Amino acid sequence: MDSPILLSLAPVSHDLGGFKVHRTLPHKLRTMVGPFIFFDQMGPARLGVDEGIDVRPHPHINLATVTYLFEGAIDHRDSLGTVQRIEPGAVNLMTAGSGIAHSERSPADQRSRGPALDGIQTWLALPRATEEQGPAFEHVAADRLPWIEGDGVRLNLIMGEAYGARSPVTQHSPTLYAAIDLAPGAALELEGEADERALYLLEGDAGVDGHSLEVMHLVLLAPGHKPVLRSERGARMILCGGAPMDGERHVWWNFVSSSRERINEAKRAWKAGEFTLPPDDHDEWIPIPEIPKTVSYP
């Protein structure tokens, strides 16, 4: 039988002082899986008392960011005037469209006891026809997301449709995004409707049709297969994917677009101070780097 695994992408890890970020997309072997063009695991980490994350205001264009936490909390502020705390199990969807700036910081009550940080942040490319839509922000509370449970399996459907359920989170293109917990000895047959799918093992042990998964690797699954996911000792993982995007996307720093010229214009506009900053977080911002850590691959 053909292997259900097409490719396994190893992460690049960055130490941000007190915690690490493990990035598997974009990768030199694969830029996107469905609309997912950026995949970061934040932590898991425990910061010291009176410490926290402070991601100063920075810009985005032509993408949507999705933040999902397992532990900890983050205060989001953006140039639309949004102020939103995200906690485990909820979803923050920020659509940059024609341009937005935002910041992400640990809440004060978390800093006082030493904040935890454990979560996934992804970027979704927008379809060409809607890349320049107006910016928007959407928060969906944890109790509004569907849970599929049974036989040692718990699946939280973050975006899209699966197993007869549908997430209320907005999709700009067909998207599949779920957090899966497997108890020891549990198994789950993965649905095959999404054209492109990938699994990311956060912790524990798991395999698909007898092929073992590596922790912190993004594993692309063959289209059309309905492989069986199993764990002997228990596992926590992410399933993501969706329909292929309508053409190549370029990535430079925090900018994603189908047009290199559009990215160059965004770089110029940020340098010139033409982006609006969050109303209550505008005294400092992140300057454009000379050599960004995230760039497009040929």
C-alpha atoms as a PDB file:
ATOM      1  CA  MET A   1       0.000   0.000   0.000  1.00  0.00           C
ATOM      2  CA  ASP A   2       1.233   3.507  -0.804  1.00  0.00           C
ATOM      3  CA  SER A   3       2.496   5.551   2.118  1.00  0.00           C
ATOM      4  CA  PRO A   4       0.010   8.141   3.430  1.00  0.00           C
ATOM      5  CA  ILE A   5       2.949  10.509   4.059  1.00  0.00           C
ATOM      6  CA  LEU A   6       4.240  12.698   1.237  1.00  0.00           C
ATOM      7  CA  LEU A   7       6.764  14.814   3.127  1.00  0.00           C
ATOM      8  CA  SER A   8       7.954  15.601   6.648  1.00  0.00           C
ATOM      9  CA  LEU A   9       9.068  19.171   7.353  1.00  0.00           C
ATOM     10  CA  ALA A  10      11.501  19.781  10.222  1.00  0.00           C
ATOM     11  CA  PRO A  11      11.135  23.036  12.168  1.00  0.00           C
ATOM     12  CA  VAL A  12      13.500  25.959  12.421  1.00  0.00           C
ATOM     13  CA  SER A  13      13.604  27.063  16.060  1.00  0.00           C
ATOM     14  CA  HIS A  14      14.171  30.622  17.251  1.00  0.00           C
ATOM     15  CA  ASP A  15      14.975  31.566  20.859  1.00  0.00           C
ATOM     16  CA  LEU A  16      13.087  34.759  21.637  1.00  0.00           C
ATOM     17  CA  GLY A  17      14.378  35.082  25.173  1.00  0.00           C
ATOM     18  CA  GLY A  18      12.555  32.976  27.727  1.00  0.00           C
ATOM     19  CA  PHE A  19      10.701  30.914  25.158  1.00  0.00           C
ATOM     20  CA  LYS A  20      11.206  29.311  21.765  1.00  0.00           C
ATOM     21  CA  VAL A  21       9.210  29.456  18.555  1.00  0.00           C
ATOM     22  CA  HIS A  22       9.318  26.442  16.229  1.00  0.00           C
ATOM     23  CA  ARG A  23       8.507  27.321  12.585  1.00  0.00           C
ATOM     24  CA  THR A  24       7.660  24.706   9.953  1.00  0.00           C
ATOM     25  CA  LEU A  25       6.047  26.946   7.308  1.00  0.00           C
ATOM     26  CA  PRO A  26       7.170  28.479   5.066  1.00  0.00           C
ATOM     27  CA  HIS A  27       9.756  25.776   4.332  1.00  0.00           C
ATOM     28  CA  LYS A  28      12.226  25.488   1.480  1.00  0.00           C
ATOM     29  CA  LEU A  29      10.580  22.181   0.511  1.00  0.00           C
ATOM     30  CA  ARG A  30       7.003  23.450   0.772  1.00  0.00           C
ATOM     31  CA  THR A  31       5.596  26.955   1.024  1.00  0.00           C
ATOM     32  CA  MET A  32       1.905  26.240   1.714  1.00  0.00           C
ATOM     33  CA  VAL A  33      -0.513  23.535   2.818  1.00  0.00           C
ATOM     34  CA  GLY A  34      -3.936  24.653   1.643  1.00  0.00           C
ATOM     35  CA  PRO A  35      -4.083  28.329   2.672  1.00  0.00           C
ATOM     36  CA  PHE A  36      -1.577  27.837   5.530  1.00  0.00           C
ATOM     37  CA  ILE A  37       1.613  29.715   4.655  1.00  0.00           C
ATOM     38  CA  PHE A  38       3.041  30.209   8.138  1.00  0.00           C
ATOM     39  CA  PHE A  39       2.978  27.738  11.041  1.00  0.00           C
ATOM     40  CA  ASP A  40       4.573  28.586  14.401  1.00  0.00           C
ATOM     41  CA  GLN A  41       4.462  26.684  17.658  1.00  0.00           C
ATOM     42  CA  MET A  42       4.952  29.122  20.542  1.00  0.00           C
ATOM     43  CA  GLY A  43       6.513  27.436  23.580  1.00  0.00           C
ATOM     44  CA  PRO A  44       5.540  25.566  25.640  1.00  0.00           C
ATOM     45  CA  ALA A  45       7.252  27.793  28.171  1.00  0.00           C
ATOM     46  CA  ARG A  46       6.918  29.304  31.620  1.00  0.00           C
ATOM     47  CA  LEU A  47       8.303  32.809  31.920  1.00  0.00           C
ATOM     48  CA  GLY A  48       9.530  34.402  35.132  1.00  0.00           C
ATOM     49  CA  VAL A  49       7.516  36.583  37.478  1.00  0.00           C
ATOM     50  CA  ASP A  50       7.009  40.084  36.009  1.00  0.00           C
ATOM     51  CA  GLU A  51       8.148  38.816  32.599  1.00  0.00           C
ATOM     52  CA  GLY A  52       6.008  38.364  29.515  1.00  0.00           C
ATOM     53  CA  ILE A  53       5.870  38.525  25.751  1.00  0.00           C
ATOM     54  CA  ASP A  54       5.842  41.974  24.198  1.00  0.00           C
ATOM     55  CA  VAL A  55       5.408  41.853  20.442  1.00  0.00           C
ATOM     56  CA  ARG A  56       5.348  45.538  19.562  1.00  0.00           C
ATOM     57  CA  PRO A  57       3.060  46.882  16.822  1.00  0.00           C
ATOM     58  CA  HIS A  58       3.926  45.508  13.386  1.00  0.00           C
ATOM     59  CA  PRO A  59       2.151  45.375  10.003  1.00  0.00           C
ATOM     60  CA  HIS A  60       0.544  42.704   7.799  1.00  0.00           C
ATOM     61  CA  ILE A  61      -1.027  42.671   4.336  1.00  0.00           C
ATOM     62  CA  ASN A  62      -2.917  40.163   2.155  1.00  0.00           C
ATOM     63  CA  LEU A  63      -3.202  37.450   4.840  1.00  0.00           C
ATOM     64  CA  ALA A  64      -5.223  36.366   7.874  1.00  0.00           C
ATOM     65  CA  THR A  65      -3.602  35.420  11.181  1.00  0.00           C
ATOM     66  CA  VAL A  66      -5.081  32.713  13.414  1.00  0.00           C
ATOM     67  CA  THR A  67      -4.038  32.460  17.078  1.00  0.00           C
ATOM     68  CA  TYR A  68      -4.980  29.410  19.170  1.00  0.00           C
ATOM     69  CA  LEU A  69      -3.671  28.798  22.684  1.00  0.00           C
ATOM     70  CA  PHE A  70      -3.371  25.687  24.843  1.00  0.00           C
ATOM     71  CA  GLU A  71      -2.121  27.578  27.907  1.00  0.00           C
ATOM     72  CA  GLY A  72      -1.584  31.191  28.867  1.00  0.00           C
ATOM     73  CA  ALA A  73      -3.167  34.387  27.560  1.00  0.00           C
ATOM     74  CA  ILE A  74      -2.330  37.171  25.094  1.00  0.00           C
ATOM     75  CA  ASP A  75      -3.757  40.684  24.788  1.00  0.00           C
ATOM     76  CA  HIS A  76      -4.330  41.630  21.132  1.00  0.00           C
ATOM     77  CA  ARG A  77      -4.565  45.250  20.018  1.00  0.00           C
ATOM     78  CA  ASP A  78      -4.870  46.421  16.421  1.00  0.00           C
ATOM     79  CA  SER A  79      -5.254  49.508  14.279  1.00  0.00           C
ATOM     80  CA  LEU A  80      -9.026  48.963  14.035  1.00  0.00           C
ATOM     81  CA  GLY A  81      -9.211  49.765  17.741  1.00  0.00           C
ATOM     82  CA  THR A  82      -9.721  46.134  18.777  1.00  0.00           C
ATOM     83  CA  VAL A  83      -8.625  45.128  22.280  1.00  0.00           C
ATOM     84  CA  GLN A  84      -9.139  41.405  22.848  1.00  0.00           C
ATOM     85  CA  ARG A  85      -7.726  38.923  25.308  1.00  0.00           C
ATOM     86  CA  ILE A  86      -7.338  35.408  23.939  1.00  0.00           C
ATOM     87  CA  GLU A  87      -7.285  32.403  26.259  1.00  0.00           C
ATOM     88  CA  PRO A  88      -6.987  28.641  25.693  1.00  0.00           C
ATOM     89  CA  GLY A  89      -9.484  27.099  23.291  1.00  0.00           C
ATOM     90  CA  ALA A  90     -10.643  30.387  21.736  1.00  0.00           C
ATOM     91  CA  VAL A  91      -9.736  31.739  18.293  1.00  0.00           C
ATOM     92  CA  ASN A  92      -8.450  35.148  17.235  1.00  0.00           C
ATOM     93  CA  LEU A  93      -8.816  35.631  13.468  1.00  0.00           C
ATOM     94  CA  MET A  94      -7.302  38.856  12.172  1.00  0.00           C
ATOM     95  CA  THR A  95      -7.758  39.564   8.475  1.00  0.00           C
ATOM     96  CA  ALA A  96      -5.089  41.987   7.294  1.00  0.00           C
ATOM     97  CA  GLY A  97      -6.411  42.471   3.777  1.00  0.00           C
ATOM     98  CA  SER A  98      -5.230  45.855   2.492  1.00  0.00           C
ATOM     99  CA  GLY A  99      -3.243  46.445   5.675  1.00  0.00           C
ATOM    100  CA  ILE A 100      -3.376  46.303   9.459  1.00  0.00           C
ATOM    101  CA  ALA A 101      -0.996  46.740  12.390  1.00  0.00           C
ATOM    102  CA  HIS A 102      -1.272  44.938  15.717  1.00  0.00           C
ATOM    103  CA  SER A 103       0.538  44.100  18.934  1.00  0.00           C
ATOM    104  CA  GLU A 104       0.529  41.026  21.167  1.00  0.00           C
ATOM    105  CA  ARG A 105       1.448  41.255  24.841  1.00  0.00           C
ATOM    106  CA  SER A 106       1.131  39.209  28.027  1.00  0.00           C
ATOM    107  CA  PRO A 107      -1.684  40.537  30.257  1.00  0.00           C
ATOM    108  CA  ALA A 108      -0.648  42.210  33.526  1.00  0.00           C
ATOM    109  CA  ASP A 109      -2.372  39.593  35.698  1.00  0.00           C
ATOM    110  CA  GLN A 110      -0.394  36.856  33.947  1.00  0.00           C
ATOM    111  CA  ARG A 111       2.938  38.659  34.386  1.00  0.00           C
ATOM    112  CA  SER A 112       2.457  38.964  38.141  1.00  0.00           C
ATOM    113  CA  ARG A 113       2.651  35.191  38.553  1.00  0.00           C
ATOM    114  CA  GLY A 114       4.951  34.268  35.671  1.00  0.00           C
ATOM    115  CA  PRO A 115       3.000  33.687  32.451  1.00  0.00           C
ATOM    116  CA  ALA A 116       2.730  30.378  30.643  1.00  0.00           C
ATOM    117  CA  LEU A 117       2.817  30.288  26.849  1.00  0.00           C
ATOM    118  CA  ASP A 118       1.751  27.338  24.719  1.00  0.00           C
ATOM    119  CA  GLY A 119      -0.009  27.788  21.402  1.00  0.00           C
ATOM    120  CA  ILE A 120      -0.045  27.855  17.635  1.00  0.00           C
ATOM    121  CA  GLN A 121      -0.017  30.915  15.421  1.00  0.00           C
ATOM    122  CA  THR A 122      -0.655  30.498  11.723  1.00  0.00           C
ATOM    123  CA  TRP A 123      -1.028  32.753   8.718  1.00  0.00           C
ATOM    124  CA  LEU A 124      -3.513  31.995   5.956  1.00  0.00           C
ATOM    125  CA  ALA A 125      -3.000  33.356   2.461  1.00  0.00           C
ATOM    126  CA  LEU A 126      -6.042  35.136   1.052  1.00  0.00           C
ATOM    127  CA  PRO A 127      -7.467  34.365  -2.410  1.00  0.00           C
ATOM    128  CA  ARG A 128      -6.230  36.774  -5.078  1.00  0.00           C
ATOM    129  CA  ALA A 129      -9.724  38.230  -5.502  1.00  0.00           C
ATOM    130  CA  THR A 130      -9.937  39.243  -1.831  1.00  0.00           C
ATOM    131  CA  GLU A 131      -6.317  40.009  -0.909  1.00  0.00           C
ATOM    132  CA  GLU A 132      -7.121  43.723  -0.712  1.00  0.00           C
ATOM    133  CA  GLN A 133     -10.382  43.443   1.230  1.00  0.00           C
ATOM    134  CA  GLY A 134     -10.831  45.720   4.204  1.00  0.00           C
ATOM    135  CA  PRO A 135      -9.071  44.643   7.406  1.00  0.00           C
ATOM    136  CA  ALA A 136     -11.182  42.882  10.043  1.00  0.00           C
ATOM    137  CA  PHE A 137     -10.944  41.128  13.396  1.00  0.00           C
ATOM    138  CA  GLU A 138     -13.011  38.230  14.741  1.00  0.00           C
ATOM    139  CA  HIS A 139     -12.893  36.531  18.146  1.00  0.00           C
ATOM    140  CA  VAL A 140     -14.684  33.217  18.671  1.00  0.00           C
ATOM    141  CA  ALA A 141     -14.944  32.042  22.272  1.00  0.00           C
ATOM    142  CA  ALA A 142     -13.942  28.513  23.220  1.00  0.00           C
ATOM    143  CA  ASP A 143     -17.495  27.444  24.023  1.00  0.00           C
ATOM    144  CA  ARG A 144     -18.609  28.222  20.460  1.00  0.00           C
ATOM    145  CA  LEU A 145     -16.194  25.805  18.797  1.00  0.00           C
ATOM    146  CA  PRO A 146     -17.437  22.253  18.107  1.00  0.00           C
ATOM    147  CA  TRP A 147     -15.935  19.294  19.934  1.00  0.00           C
ATOM    148  CA  ILE A 148     -16.006  15.800  18.419  1.00  0.00           C
ATOM    149  CA  GLU A 149     -15.499  13.210  21.157  1.00  0.00           C
ATOM    150  CA  GLY A 150     -15.525   9.438  21.546  1.00  0.00           C
ATOM    151  CA  ASP A 151     -13.387   6.325  22.110  1.00  0.00           C
ATOM    152  CA  GLY A 152     -10.455   8.251  23.584  1.00  0.00           C
ATOM    153  CA  VAL A 153     -10.526  10.966  20.906  1.00  0.00           C
ATOM    154  CA  ARG A 154     -11.202  14.683  21.482  1.00  0.00           C
ATOM    155  CA  LEU A 155     -11.123  16.935  18.406  1.00  0.00           C
ATOM    156  CA  ASN A 156     -11.650  20.679  18.662  1.00  0.00           C
ATOM    157  CA  LEU A 157     -12.677  22.041  15.266  1.00  0.00           C
ATOM    158  CA  ILE A 158     -10.983  25.427  14.963  1.00  0.00           C
ATOM    159  CA  MET A 159     -11.906  26.143  11.323  1.00  0.00           C
ATOM    160  CA  GLY A 160     -13.772  24.358   8.565  1.00  0.00           C
ATOM    161  CA  GLU A 161     -15.912  21.229   8.498  1.00  0.00           C
ATOM    162  CA  ALA A 162     -15.170  17.695   9.717  1.00  0.00           C
ATOM    163  CA  TYR A 163     -17.025  14.694  11.113  1.00  0.00           C
ATOM    164  CA  GLY A 164     -20.403  16.327  10.536  1.00  0.00           C
ATOM    165  CA  ALA A 165     -19.524  19.512  12.443  1.00  0.00           C
ATOM    166  CA  ARG A 166     -18.748  23.037  11.265  1.00  0.00           C
ATOM    167  CA  SER A 167     -16.736  25.746  13.001  1.00  0.00           C
ATOM    168  CA  PRO A 168     -18.292  29.238  13.135  1.00  0.00           C
ATOM    169  CA  VAL A 169     -14.908  30.870  12.401  1.00  0.00           C
ATOM    170  CA  THR A 170     -14.870  32.706   9.055  1.00  0.00           C
ATOM    171  CA  GLN A 171     -13.137  30.977   6.141  1.00  0.00           C
ATOM    172  CA  HIS A 172     -11.732  33.055   3.301  1.00  0.00           C
ATOM    173  CA  SER A 173     -11.116  29.855   1.321  1.00  0.00           C
ATOM    174  CA  PRO A 174     -11.817  26.173   2.127  1.00  0.00           C
ATOM    175  CA  THR A 175      -9.846  25.525   5.329  1.00  0.00           C
ATOM    176  CA  LEU A 176      -9.397  22.607   7.722  1.00  0.00           C
ATOM    177  CA  TYR A 177      -7.926  23.275  11.156  1.00  0.00           C
ATOM    178  CA  ALA A 178      -8.351  21.117  14.263  1.00  0.00           C
ATOM    179  CA  ALA A 179      -6.670  20.313  17.579  1.00  0.00           C
ATOM    180  CA  ILE A 180      -6.693  16.583  18.398  1.00  0.00           C
ATOM    181  CA  ASP A 181      -6.099  14.792  21.691  1.00  0.00           C
ATOM    182  CA  LEU A 182      -5.670  10.998  21.656  1.00  0.00           C
ATOM    183  CA  ALA A 183      -5.811   8.966  24.852  1.00  0.00           C
ATOM    184  CA  PRO A 184      -3.435   5.974  25.181  1.00  0.00           C
ATOM    185  CA  GLY A 185      -4.519   3.301  22.706  1.00  0.00           C
ATOM    186  CA  ALA A 186      -6.963   5.568  20.845  1.00  0.00           C
ATOM    187  CA  ALA A 187      -7.368   5.669  17.062  1.00  0.00           C
ATOM    188  CA  LEU A 188      -9.036   8.044  14.592  1.00  0.00           C
ATOM    189  CA  GLU A 189      -9.647   7.653  10.860  1.00  0.00           C
ATOM    190  CA  LEU A 190      -8.862  10.945   9.172  1.00  0.00           C
ATOM    191  CA  GLU A 191     -11.365  12.183   6.643  1.00  0.00           C
ATOM    192  CA  GLY A 192     -10.025  12.655   3.125  1.00  0.00           C
ATOM    193  CA  GLU A 193     -12.150  15.504   1.768  1.00  0.00           C
ATOM    194  CA  ALA A 194      -9.532  18.264   2.093  1.00  0.00           C
ATOM    195  CA  ASP A 195      -7.243  18.393  -0.947  1.00  0.00           C
ATOM    196  CA  GLU A 196      -4.174  19.215   1.155  1.00  0.00           C
ATOM    197  CA  ARG A 197      -3.691  18.076   4.761  1.00  0.00           C
ATOM    198  CA  ALA A 198      -0.872  18.009   7.275  1.00  0.00           C
ATOM    199  CA  LEU A 199      -0.382  16.704  10.816  1.00  0.00           C
ATOM    200  CA  TYR A 200       1.789  18.311  13.478  1.00  0.00           C
ATOM    201  CA  LEU A 201       2.637  16.284  16.592  1.00  0.00           C
ATOM    202  CA  LEU A 202       2.895  18.591  19.602  1.00  0.00           C
ATOM    203  CA  GLU A 203       3.700  15.927  22.167  1.00  0.00           C
ATOM    204  CA  GLY A 204       3.333  12.207  22.802  1.00  0.00           C
ATOM    205  CA  ASP A 205       3.525   9.441  20.229  1.00  0.00           C
ATOM    206  CA  ALA A 206       1.401   8.872  17.142  1.00  0.00           C
ATOM    207  CA  GLY A 207       1.499   7.198  13.755  1.00  0.00           C
ATOM    208  CA  VAL A 208      -0.575   7.123  10.589  1.00  0.00           C
ATOM    209  CA  ASP A 209      -1.099   3.653   9.108  1.00  0.00           C
ATOM    210  CA  GLY A 210       1.948   2.448  11.037  1.00  0.00           C
ATOM    211  CA  HIS A 211       4.223   5.333   9.975  1.00  0.00           C
ATOM    212  CA  SER A 212       5.527   7.132  13.069  1.00  0.00           C
ATOM    213  CA  LEU A 213       5.273  10.905  13.386  1.00  0.00           C
ATOM    214  CA  GLU A 214       8.097  13.032  14.759  1.00  0.00           C
ATOM    215  CA  VAL A 215       7.424  15.655  17.393  1.00  0.00           C
ATOM    216  CA  MET A 216       7.410  19.231  15.998  1.00  0.00           C
ATOM    217  CA  HIS A 217       7.463  18.047  12.366  1.00  0.00           C
ATOM    218  CA  LEU A 218       4.726  19.038   9.912  1.00  0.00           C
ATOM    219  CA  VAL A 219       3.811  15.885   7.986  1.00  0.00           C
ATOM    220  CA  LEU A 220       1.993  16.235   4.662  1.00  0.00           C
ATOM    221  CA  LEU A 221      -0.571  13.544   3.905  1.00  0.00           C
ATOM    222  CA  ALA A 222      -1.327  12.093   0.486  1.00  0.00           C
ATOM    223  CA  PRO A 223      -4.590  13.419  -0.997  1.00  0.00           C
ATOM    224  CA  GLY A 224      -7.582  11.102  -0.989  1.00  0.00           C
ATOM    225  CA  HIS A 225      -6.201   8.777   1.690  1.00  0.00           C
ATOM    226  CA  LYS A 226      -8.176   8.102   4.858  1.00  0.00           C
ATOM    227  CA  PRO A 227      -5.305   6.966   7.086  1.00  0.00           C
ATOM    228  CA  VAL A 228      -5.838   5.793  10.641  1.00  0.00           C
ATOM    229  CA  LEU A 229      -4.156   7.866  13.317  1.00  0.00           C
ATOM    230  CA  ARG A 230      -3.108   5.887  16.413  1.00  0.00           C
ATOM    231  CA  SER A 231      -1.302   6.542  19.671  1.00  0.00           C
ATOM    232  CA  GLU A 232       0.068   4.039  22.160  1.00  0.00           C
ATOM    233  CA  ARG A 233       0.827   6.383  25.055  1.00  0.00           C
ATOM    234  CA  GLY A 234      -1.336   9.399  24.199  1.00  0.00           C
ATOM    235  CA  ALA A 235      -0.745  12.395  21.944  1.00  0.00           C
ATOM    236  CA  ARG A 236      -1.622  15.997  21.271  1.00  0.00           C
ATOM    237  CA  MET A 237      -1.534  17.240  17.670  1.00  0.00           C
ATOM    238  CA  ILE A 238      -2.800  19.642  15.026  1.00  0.00           C
ATOM    239  CA  LEU A 239      -4.508  18.797  11.728  1.00  0.00           C
ATOM    240  CA  CYS A 240      -4.486  21.562   9.120  1.00  0.00           C
ATOM    241  CA  GLY A 241      -4.978  22.098   5.392  1.00  0.00           C
ATOM    242  CA  GLY A 242      -7.647  22.906   2.855  1.00  0.00           C
ATOM    243  CA  ALA A 243      -7.991  23.702  -0.825  1.00  0.00           C
ATOM    244  CA  PRO A 244      -4.817  24.642  -2.759  1.00  0.00           C
ATOM    245  CA  MET A 245      -4.343  28.368  -3.190  1.00  0.00           C
ATOM    246  CA  ASP A 246      -4.896  30.040  -6.538  1.00  0.00           C
ATOM    247  CA  GLY A 247      -1.249  30.543  -7.429  1.00  0.00           C
ATOM    248  CA  GLU A 248       2.100  31.368  -5.870  1.00  0.00           C
ATOM    249  CA  ARG A 249       2.445  33.603  -2.826  1.00  0.00           C
ATOM    250  CA  HIS A 250       5.460  35.664  -1.844  1.00  0.00           C
ATOM    251  CA  VAL A 251       6.495  36.164   1.775  1.00  0.00           C
ATOM    252  CA  TRP A 252       8.782  38.863   3.136  1.00  0.00           C
ATOM    253  CA  TRP A 253       8.892  39.516   6.887  1.00  0.00           C
ATOM    254  CA  ASN A 254       5.233  40.031   7.940  1.00  0.00           C
ATOM    255  CA  PHE A 255       3.944  40.574   4.421  1.00  0.00           C
ATOM    256  CA  VAL A 256       2.294  37.960   2.189  1.00  0.00           C
ATOM    257  CA  SER A 257       1.006  38.666  -1.300  1.00  0.00           C
ATOM    258  CA  SER A 258       0.581  37.250  -4.787  1.00  0.00           C
ATOM    259  CA  SER A 259       2.521  40.330  -5.965  1.00  0.00           C
ATOM    260  CA  ARG A 260       6.139  41.186  -5.159  1.00  0.00           C
ATOM    261  CA  GLU A 261       5.377  44.787  -6.095  1.00  0.00           C
ATOM    262  CA  ARG A 262       2.628  44.903  -3.467  1.00  0.00           C
ATOM    263  CA  ILE A 263       5.079  43.700  -0.816  1.00  0.00           C
ATOM    264  CA  ASN A 264       7.592  46.364  -1.838  1.00  0.00           C
ATOM    265  CA  GLU A 265       4.859  49.000  -1.516  1.00  0.00           C
ATOM    266  CA  ALA A 266       3.977  47.715   1.977  1.00  0.00           C
ATOM    267  CA  LYS A 267       7.658  47.911   2.982  1.00  0.00           C
ATOM    268  CA  ARG A 268       7.802  51.509   1.788  1.00  0.00           C
ATOM    269  CA  ALA A 269       4.556  52.418   3.575  1.00  0.00           C
ATOM    270  CA  TRP A 270       5.681  50.946   6.922  1.00  0.00           C
ATOM    271  CA  LYS A 271       9.026  52.748   6.722  1.00  0.00           C
ATOM    272  CA  ALA A 272       7.200  55.993   5.906  1.00  0.00           C
ATOM    273  CA  GLY A 273       4.847  55.644   8.883  1.00  0.00           C
ATOM    274  CA  GLU A 274       1.740  55.365   6.706  1.00  0.00           C
ATOM    275  CA  PHE A 275       0.201  52.404   8.558  1.00  0.00           C
ATOM    276  CA  THR A 276      -2.206  53.277  11.358  1.00  0.00           C
ATOM    277  CA  LEU A 277      -1.030  51.952  14.741  1.00  0.00           C
ATOM    278  CA  PRO A 278      -3.247  50.562  17.537  1.00  0.00           C
ATOM    279  CA  PRO A 279      -4.815  53.588  19.292  1.00  0.00           C
ATOM    280  CA  ASP A 280      -3.644  52.551  22.771  1.00  0.00           C
ATOM    281  CA  ASP A 281      -0.330  50.943  21.777  1.00  0.00           C
ATOM    282  CA  HIS A 282       1.438  53.335  19.434  1.00  0.00           C
ATOM    283  CA  ASP A 283       4.487  54.670  21.290  1.00  0.00           C
ATOM    284  CA  GLU A 284       6.816  52.033  19.851  1.00  0.00           C
ATOM    285  CA  TRP A 285       6.804  49.667  16.915  1.00  0.00           C
ATOM    286  CA  ILE A 286       8.951  47.062  15.195  1.00  0.00           C
ATOM    287  CA  PRO A 287      11.152  48.524  12.426  1.00  0.00           C
ATOM    288  CA  ILE A 288      11.622  46.661   9.173  1.00  0.00           C
ATOM    289  CA  PRO A 289      14.596  44.309   9.478  1.00  0.00           C
ATOM    290  CA  GLU A 290      17.422  44.387   6.981  1.00  0.00           C
ATOM    291  CA  ILE A 291      17.362  40.575   6.827  1.00  0.00           C
ATOM    292  CA  PRO A 292      13.985  39.102   7.855  1.00  0.00           C
ATOM    293  CA  LYS A 293      13.689  35.609   9.345  1.00  0.00           C
ATOM    294  CA  THR A 294      10.678  34.837   7.145  1.00  0.00           C
ATOM    295  CA  VAL A 295      11.171  35.136   3.382  1.00  0.00           C
ATOM    296  CA  SER A 296       9.677  33.515   0.308  1.00  0.00           C
ATOM    297  CA  TYR A 297      11.375  30.561  -1.290  1.00  0.00           C
ATOM    298  CA  PRO A 298      11.869  30.159  -5.043  1.00  0.00           C
END
